[in-house]
Amino acid sequence: MMTKVTLYSKPGCHLCEPVQDTILAVQRERGFEFLVRNIEEDAADFEKYQHAIPVVVVDGREIARYKLSRRQLEAALESL
């Protein structure tokens, strides 16, 4: 089964754009499924993350809030 990286975000989130760029750059090299979830489209996501985005989850495990470095994502992928 392919690793899944999920970014919890919402439209207009200025912190989310660089995090998404980092994820996409690593995805080009490592190949994994990448999902962006708009927290405004799901009440449970909104309740959980309304004051915390961006949040990055790898295979169900939260690895970052607000910022994400390439090193953080690579370490999370290697630890699977």
N, C-alpha and C. Protein backbone atom coordinates (compact mmCIF):
# COMPACT_ATOMS: atom_id res chain seq x y z
N MET A 1 0.83 -1.19 0.00
CA MET A 1 0.00 0.00 0.00
C MET A 1 0.87 1.25 0.00
N MET A 2 0.49 2.23 -0.78
CA MET A 2 1.29 3.45 -0.90
C MET A 2 1.11 4.36 0.31
N THR A 3 2.19 4.97 0.73
CA THR A 3 2.16 5.94 1.82
C THR A 3 1.27 7.11 1.45
N LYS A 4 0.50 7.61 2.42
CA LYS A 4 -0.38 8.75 2.17
C LYS A 4 0.03 9.93 3.04
N VAL A 5 0.25 11.07 2.40
CA VAL A 5 0.55 12.32 3.09
C VAL A 5 -0.66 13.23 2.91
N THR A 6 -1.19 13.73 4.03
CA THR A 6 -2.37 14.58 3.99
C THR A 6 -2.02 15.95 4.56
N LEU A 7 -2.42 16.97 3.85
CA LEU A 7 -2.26 18.35 4.29
C LEU A 7 -3.64 18.90 4.62
N TYR A 8 -3.85 19.27 5.87
CA TYR A 8 -5.09 19.93 6.29
C TYR A 8 -4.88 21.42 6.08
N SER A 9 -5.77 22.03 5.31
CA SER A 9 -5.59 23.40 4.86
C SER A 9 -6.96 24.05 4.69
N LYS A 10 -6.96 25.28 4.18
CA LYS A 10 -8.18 25.94 3.74
C LYS A 10 -7.79 27.02 2.74
N PRO A 11 -8.72 27.43 1.90
CA PRO A 11 -8.42 28.47 0.92
C PRO A 11 -7.92 29.75 1.60
N GLY A 12 -6.90 30.35 1.01
CA GLY A 12 -6.36 31.60 1.52
C GLY A 12 -5.37 31.45 2.66
N CYS A 13 -5.00 30.23 2.99
CA CYS A 13 -4.05 30.00 4.08
C CYS A 13 -2.62 30.28 3.58
N HIS A 14 -2.05 31.39 4.03
CA HIS A 14 -0.72 31.77 3.54
C HIS A 14 0.38 30.87 4.09
N LEU A 15 0.18 30.25 5.22
CA LEU A 15 1.18 29.32 5.76
C LEU A 15 1.15 27.97 5.04
N CYS A 16 0.01 27.66 4.42
CA CYS A 16 -0.16 26.35 3.78
C CYS A 16 0.60 26.23 2.47
N GLU A 17 0.74 27.31 1.74
CA GLU A 17 1.38 27.26 0.43
C GLU A 17 2.82 26.74 0.48
N PRO A 18 3.69 27.27 1.35
CA PRO A 18 5.06 26.74 1.38
C PRO A 18 5.11 25.28 1.85
N VAL A 19 4.20 24.91 2.73
CA VAL A 19 4.15 23.51 3.19
C VAL A 19 3.77 22.60 2.03
N GLN A 20 2.78 23.01 1.26
CA GLN A 20 2.38 22.22 0.09
C GLN A 20 3.52 22.12 -0.91
N ASP A 21 4.24 23.21 -1.14
CA ASP A 21 5.38 23.20 -2.06
C ASP A 21 6.44 22.20 -1.60
N THR A 22 6.70 22.16 -0.29
CA THR A 22 7.68 21.21 0.25
C THR A 22 7.22 19.78 0.02
N ILE A 23 5.96 19.51 0.28
CA ILE A 23 5.43 18.16 0.09
C ILE A 23 5.54 17.75 -1.38
N LEU A 24 5.16 18.64 -2.29
CA LEU A 24 5.22 18.32 -3.71
C LEU A 24 6.64 18.06 -4.19
N ALA A 25 7.61 18.83 -3.67
CA ALA A 25 9.01 18.63 -4.05
C ALA A 25 9.50 17.24 -3.61
N VAL A 26 9.15 16.84 -2.40
CA VAL A 26 9.57 15.52 -1.90
C VAL A 26 8.80 14.43 -2.66
N GLN A 27 7.55 14.67 -2.97
CA GLN A 27 6.75 13.67 -3.69
C GLN A 27 7.35 13.35 -5.06
N ARG A 28 7.88 14.35 -5.74
CA ARG A 28 8.50 14.12 -7.06
C ARG A 28 9.65 13.14 -6.96
N GLU A 29 10.35 13.12 -5.85
CA GLU A 29 11.50 12.24 -5.68
C GLU A 29 11.15 10.90 -5.06
N ARG A 30 10.16 10.86 -4.19
CA ARG A 30 9.89 9.66 -3.40
C ARG A 30 8.62 8.92 -3.78
N GLY A 31 7.68 9.60 -4.38
CA GLY A 31 6.45 8.95 -4.79
C GLY A 31 5.59 8.48 -3.63
N PHE A 32 4.55 9.22 -3.32
CA PHE A 32 3.57 8.84 -2.32
C PHE A 32 2.26 9.52 -2.70
N GLU A 33 1.18 9.05 -2.13
CA GLU A 33 -0.12 9.67 -2.38
C GLU A 33 -0.20 10.97 -1.57
N PHE A 34 -0.64 12.05 -2.20
CA PHE A 34 -0.75 13.34 -1.54
C PHE A 34 -2.18 13.84 -1.64
N LEU A 35 -2.76 14.17 -0.49
CA LEU A 35 -4.13 14.65 -0.40
C LEU A 35 -4.14 15.99 0.30
N VAL A 36 -4.91 16.94 -0.21
CA VAL A 36 -5.15 18.20 0.49
C VAL A 36 -6.60 18.17 0.97
N ARG A 37 -6.79 18.35 2.27
CA ARG A 37 -8.14 18.36 2.83
C ARG A 37 -8.47 19.77 3.27
N ASN A 38 -9.54 20.30 2.70
CA ASN A 38 -10.03 21.63 3.07
C ASN A 38 -10.85 21.47 4.34
N ILE A 39 -10.37 22.03 5.43
CA ILE A 39 -11.05 21.85 6.72
C ILE A 39 -12.43 22.49 6.73
N GLU A 40 -12.69 23.42 5.82
CA GLU A 40 -14.00 24.06 5.77
C GLU A 40 -15.07 23.15 5.17
N GLU A 41 -14.65 22.04 4.58
CA GLU A 41 -15.60 21.12 3.95
C GLU A 41 -16.00 19.97 4.87
N ASP A 42 -15.41 19.90 6.04
CA ASP A 42 -15.71 18.81 6.97
C ASP A 42 -15.77 19.37 8.39
N ALA A 43 -16.92 19.23 9.03
CA ALA A 43 -17.11 19.82 10.36
C ALA A 43 -16.12 19.28 11.38
N ALA A 44 -15.82 17.99 11.33
CA ALA A 44 -14.87 17.39 12.29
C ALA A 44 -13.47 17.93 12.06
N ASP A 45 -13.06 18.03 10.79
CA ASP A 45 -11.74 18.60 10.49
C ASP A 45 -11.67 20.05 10.96
N PHE A 46 -12.73 20.81 10.71
CA PHE A 46 -12.74 22.21 11.11
C PHE A 46 -12.63 22.35 12.62
N GLU A 47 -13.39 21.55 13.34
CA GLU A 47 -13.35 21.59 14.81
C GLU A 47 -11.94 21.27 15.33
N LYS A 48 -11.32 20.28 14.74
CA LYS A 48 -10.02 19.82 15.21
C LYS A 48 -8.88 20.76 14.82
N TYR A 49 -8.95 21.34 13.61
CA TYR A 49 -7.79 22.06 13.07
C TYR A 49 -8.02 23.54 12.80
N GLN A 50 -9.14 24.12 13.21
CA GLN A 50 -9.43 25.50 12.82
C GLN A 50 -8.36 26.51 13.25
N HIS A 51 -7.65 26.24 14.34
CA HIS A 51 -6.61 27.16 14.80
C HIS A 51 -5.21 26.58 14.65
N ALA A 52 -5.06 25.55 13.82
CA ALA A 52 -3.78 24.84 13.79
C ALA A 52 -3.18 24.67 12.40
N ILE A 53 -3.88 25.06 11.34
CA ILE A 53 -3.37 24.74 10.01
C ILE A 53 -2.16 25.58 9.63
N PRO A 54 -1.33 25.04 8.76
CA PRO A 54 -1.42 23.74 8.14
C PRO A 54 -0.99 22.61 9.09
N VAL A 55 -1.61 21.47 8.90
CA VAL A 55 -1.25 20.25 9.64
C VAL A 55 -0.91 19.20 8.60
N VAL A 56 0.20 18.49 8.83
CA VAL A 56 0.63 17.44 7.92
C VAL A 56 0.57 16.10 8.65
N VAL A 57 -0.08 15.14 8.00
CA VAL A 57 -0.26 13.81 8.56
C VAL A 57 0.30 12.79 7.57
N VAL A 58 1.12 11.87 8.06
CA VAL A 58 1.67 10.81 7.23
C VAL A 58 1.12 9.48 7.74
N ASP A 59 0.37 8.82 6.88
CA ASP A 59 -0.27 7.54 7.23
C ASP A 59 -0.95 7.60 8.60
N GLY A 60 -1.72 8.67 8.82
CA GLY A 60 -2.50 8.79 10.04
C GLY A 60 -1.77 9.37 11.23
N ARG A 61 -0.47 9.66 11.09
CA ARG A 61 0.31 10.19 12.20
C ARG A 61 0.69 11.65 11.92
N GLU A 62 0.28 12.55 12.81
CA GLU A 62 0.61 13.97 12.64
C GLU A 62 2.11 14.17 12.80
N ILE A 63 2.71 14.85 11.82
CA ILE A 63 4.15 15.10 11.89
C ILE A 63 4.51 16.57 11.97
N ALA A 64 3.55 17.47 11.66
CA ALA A 64 3.89 18.90 11.68
C ALA A 64 2.64 19.76 11.75
N ARG A 65 2.80 20.92 12.40
CA ARG A 65 1.79 21.99 12.41
C ARG A 65 2.49 23.30 12.08
N TYR A 66 1.82 24.13 11.33
CA TYR A 66 2.27 25.49 10.99
C TYR A 66 3.42 25.53 9.99
N LYS A 67 4.45 24.71 10.17
CA LYS A 67 5.61 24.70 9.27
C LYS A 67 6.02 23.26 9.02
N LEU A 68 6.68 23.03 7.89
CA LEU A 68 7.21 21.71 7.57
C LEU A 68 8.51 21.87 6.82
N SER A 69 9.54 21.23 7.30
CA SER A 69 10.80 21.23 6.56
C SER A 69 10.89 19.95 5.75
N ARG A 70 11.66 20.01 4.73
CA ARG A 70 11.91 18.84 3.90
C ARG A 70 12.45 17.70 4.77
N ARG A 71 13.35 18.03 5.67
CA ARG A 71 13.96 17.04 6.56
C ARG A 71 12.91 16.35 7.43
N GLN A 72 11.94 17.12 7.96
CA GLN A 72 10.87 16.53 8.77
C GLN A 72 10.07 15.49 7.99
N LEU A 73 9.69 15.87 6.77
CA LEU A 73 8.90 14.96 5.95
C LEU A 73 9.70 13.73 5.57
N GLU A 74 10.93 13.92 5.15
CA GLU A 74 11.77 12.77 4.79
C GLU A 74 11.97 11.83 5.97
N ALA A 75 12.19 12.38 7.16
CA ALA A 75 12.37 11.55 8.35
C ALA A 75 11.10 10.75 8.65
N ALA A 76 9.95 11.38 8.50
CA ALA A 76 8.68 10.69 8.74
C ALA A 76 8.48 9.56 7.73
N LEU A 77 8.84 9.80 6.48
CA LEU A 77 8.68 8.78 5.45
C LEU A 77 9.65 7.62 5.69
N GLU A 78 10.84 7.92 6.14
CA GLU A 78 11.84 6.87 6.39
C GLU A 78 11.49 6.03 7.61
N SER A 79 10.74 6.59 8.54
CA SER A 79 10.43 5.86 9.78
C SER A 79 9.28 4.87 9.61
N LEU A 80 8.68 4.82 8.44
CA LEU A 80 7.55 3.90 8.21
C LEU A 80 8.02 2.48 8.00
